[in-house]
Amino acid sequence: MSGRQVFYEGRVQGVGFRFTCKQLARGFDVIGWVQNLPDGRVELQCSGDAGEVDAFLKAIAESELKSHIKTATVVPIPALAGVRGFEILR
């Protein structure tokens, strides 16, 4: 199991970013969550097989969201524990 924390910057709030991430996650064997941050960024954390995690993050980068993403900072993290599915945190 591999984990990633990603901070997305750009015009990533108010454009359906979190919803799209959740929809994309359904096509991959990943668990995790996505949330808006007070500073205007979006934070995503996910875990799964390294290939699935990488493919999921690539799908986000190549989706309709790409025009809203200025930068994406990816940080390796330990695999998430006690998380089921992929959720939007509020």
C-alpha atoms as a PDB file:
ATOM      1  CA  MET A   1       0.000   0.000   0.000  1.00  0.00           C
ATOM      2  CA  SER A   2       1.161   3.446  -0.938  1.00  0.00           C
ATOM      3  CA  GLY A   3      -0.139   6.827   0.197  1.00  0.00           C
ATOM      4  CA  ARG A   4      -0.012  10.317  -1.258  1.00  0.00           C
ATOM      5  CA  GLN A   5      -1.005  13.737  -0.005  1.00  0.00           C
ATOM      6  CA  VAL A   6      -1.561  16.303  -2.756  1.00  0.00           C
ATOM      7  CA  PHE A   7      -2.082  20.034  -2.414  1.00  0.00           C
ATOM      8  CA  TYR A   8      -3.706  21.569  -5.490  1.00  0.00           C
ATOM      9  CA  GLU A   9      -3.383  25.295  -6.114  1.00  0.00           C
ATOM     10  CA  GLY A  10      -5.081  27.471  -8.701  1.00  0.00           C
ATOM     11  CA  ARG A  11      -8.781  28.025  -9.293  1.00  0.00           C
ATOM     12  CA  VAL A  12      -9.656  24.798  -7.506  1.00  0.00           C
ATOM     13  CA  GLN A  13     -12.529  25.840  -5.261  1.00  0.00           C
ATOM     14  CA  GLY A  14     -16.051  26.492  -6.506  1.00  0.00           C
ATOM     15  CA  VAL A  15     -15.504  24.575  -9.768  1.00  0.00           C
ATOM     16  CA  GLY A  16     -16.612  21.050  -8.747  1.00  0.00           C
ATOM     17  CA  PHE A  17     -13.049  19.948  -8.009  1.00  0.00           C
ATOM     18  CA  ARG A  18     -13.867  17.746  -5.008  1.00  0.00           C
ATOM     19  CA  PHE A  19     -16.892  16.169  -6.704  1.00  0.00           C
ATOM     20  CA  THR A  20     -14.857  15.368  -9.815  1.00  0.00           C
ATOM     21  CA  CYS A  21     -12.096  13.797  -7.699  1.00  0.00           C
ATOM     22  CA  LYS A  22     -14.668  11.610  -5.961  1.00  0.00           C
ATOM     23  CA  GLN A  23     -16.172  10.568  -9.304  1.00  0.00           C
ATOM     24  CA  LEU A  24     -12.738   9.742 -10.728  1.00  0.00           C
ATOM     25  CA  ALA A  25     -11.831   7.721  -7.628  1.00  0.00           C
ATOM     26  CA  ARG A  26     -14.639   5.278  -8.444  1.00  0.00           C
ATOM     27  CA  GLY A  27     -12.597   4.037 -11.394  1.00  0.00           C
ATOM     28  CA  PHE A  28      -9.606   3.129  -9.238  1.00  0.00           C
ATOM     29  CA  ASP A  29      -8.935   0.871  -6.267  1.00  0.00           C
ATOM     30  CA  VAL A  30      -8.081   3.736  -3.908  1.00  0.00           C
ATOM     31  CA  ILE A  31      -9.326   5.030  -0.580  1.00  0.00           C
ATOM     32  CA  GLY A  32      -9.060   8.524   0.826  1.00  0.00           C
ATOM     33  CA  TRP A  33     -10.582  11.958   0.928  1.00  0.00           C
ATOM     34  CA  VAL A  34     -10.510  15.442  -0.552  1.00  0.00           C
ATOM     35  CA  GLN A  35     -11.252  18.785   1.121  1.00  0.00           C
ATOM     36  CA  ASN A  36     -11.124  22.521   0.570  1.00  0.00           C
ATOM     37  CA  LEU A  37      -8.609  24.419   2.686  1.00  0.00           C
ATOM     38  CA  PRO A  38      -9.185  27.923   4.114  1.00  0.00           C
ATOM     39  CA  ASP A  39      -6.280  29.314   2.051  1.00  0.00           C
ATOM     40  CA  GLY A  40      -7.977  28.436  -1.269  1.00  0.00           C
ATOM     41  CA  ARG A  41      -6.101  25.189  -1.950  1.00  0.00           C
ATOM     42  CA  VAL A  42      -7.581  21.694  -2.125  1.00  0.00           C
ATOM     43  CA  GLU A  43      -5.994  18.845  -0.164  1.00  0.00           C
ATOM     44  CA  LEU A  44      -6.330  15.221  -1.276  1.00  0.00           C
ATOM     45  CA  GLN A  45      -5.068  12.138   0.539  1.00  0.00           C
ATOM     46  CA  CYS A  46      -5.306   8.678  -0.965  1.00  0.00           C
ATOM     47  CA  SER A  47      -3.911   5.189  -0.520  1.00  0.00           C
ATOM     48  CA  GLY A  48      -3.833   1.984  -2.497  1.00  0.00           C
ATOM     49  CA  ASP A  49      -1.515  -0.033  -4.677  1.00  0.00           C
ATOM     50  CA  ALA A  50       1.183   2.355  -5.932  1.00  0.00           C
ATOM     51  CA  GLY A  51       0.119   1.834  -9.554  1.00  0.00           C
ATOM     52  CA  GLU A  52      -3.532   2.593  -8.749  1.00  0.00           C
ATOM     53  CA  VAL A  53      -2.628   5.711  -6.758  1.00  0.00           C
ATOM     54  CA  ASP A  54      -0.384   6.995  -9.545  1.00  0.00           C
ATOM     55  CA  ALA A  55      -3.034   6.274 -12.192  1.00  0.00           C
ATOM     56  CA  PHE A  56      -5.711   8.046 -10.114  1.00  0.00           C
ATOM     57  CA  LEU A  57      -3.556  11.159  -9.693  1.00  0.00           C
ATOM     58  CA  LYS A  58      -2.726  11.104 -13.404  1.00  0.00           C
ATOM     59  CA  ALA A  59      -6.441  10.878 -14.223  1.00  0.00           C
ATOM     60  CA  ILE A  60      -7.063  14.001 -12.123  1.00  0.00           C
ATOM     61  CA  ALA A  61      -4.204  15.832 -13.849  1.00  0.00           C
ATOM     62  CA  GLU A  62      -5.559  14.901 -17.294  1.00  0.00           C
ATOM     63  CA  SER A  63      -9.245  15.517 -16.535  1.00  0.00           C
ATOM     64  CA  GLU A  64     -11.269  18.661 -17.164  1.00  0.00           C
ATOM     65  CA  LEU A  65      -9.764  19.914 -13.895  1.00  0.00           C
ATOM     66  CA  LYS A  66      -6.345  20.458 -15.505  1.00  0.00           C
ATOM     67  CA  SER A  67      -7.255  23.958 -16.639  1.00  0.00           C
ATOM     68  CA  HIS A  68      -7.956  24.913 -12.999  1.00  0.00           C
ATOM     69  CA  ILE A  69      -4.752  23.463 -11.524  1.00  0.00           C
ATOM     70  CA  LYS A  70      -1.790  25.827 -11.335  1.00  0.00           C
ATOM     71  CA  THR A  71       0.383  23.511  -9.216  1.00  0.00           C
ATOM     72  CA  ALA A  72       0.034  20.128  -7.558  1.00  0.00           C
ATOM     73  CA  THR A  73       2.440  19.338  -4.735  1.00  0.00           C
ATOM     74  CA  VAL A  74       2.623  15.580  -4.102  1.00  0.00           C
ATOM     75  CA  VAL A  75       4.010  14.241  -0.823  1.00  0.00           C
ATOM     76  CA  PRO A  76       4.423  10.516  -0.035  1.00  0.00           C
ATOM     77  CA  ILE A  77       2.635   9.559   3.193  1.00  0.00           C
ATOM     78  CA  PRO A  78       1.989   6.276   5.013  1.00  0.00           C
ATOM     79  CA  ALA A  79      -1.023   4.347   3.761  1.00  0.00           C
ATOM     80  CA  LEU A  80      -4.256   5.569   5.318  1.00  0.00           C
ATOM     81  CA  ALA A  81      -5.741   3.386   8.047  1.00  0.00           C
ATOM     82  CA  GLY A  82      -9.374   3.132   9.059  1.00  0.00           C
ATOM     83  CA  VAL A  83     -10.647   4.793   5.878  1.00  0.00           C
ATOM     84  CA  ARG A  84     -13.255   3.223   3.623  1.00  0.00           C
ATOM     85  CA  GLY A  85     -13.991   4.437   0.146  1.00  0.00           C
ATOM     86  CA  PHE A  86     -13.238   7.931  -1.083  1.00  0.00           C
ATOM     87  CA  GLU A  87     -15.055  10.842   0.531  1.00  0.00           C
ATOM     88  CA  ILE A  88     -15.437  14.581   0.367  1.00  0.00           C
ATOM     89  CA  LEU A  89     -14.635  16.166   3.727  1.00  0.00           C
ATOM     90  CA  ARG A  90     -16.419  19.381   4.595  1.00  0.00           C
END
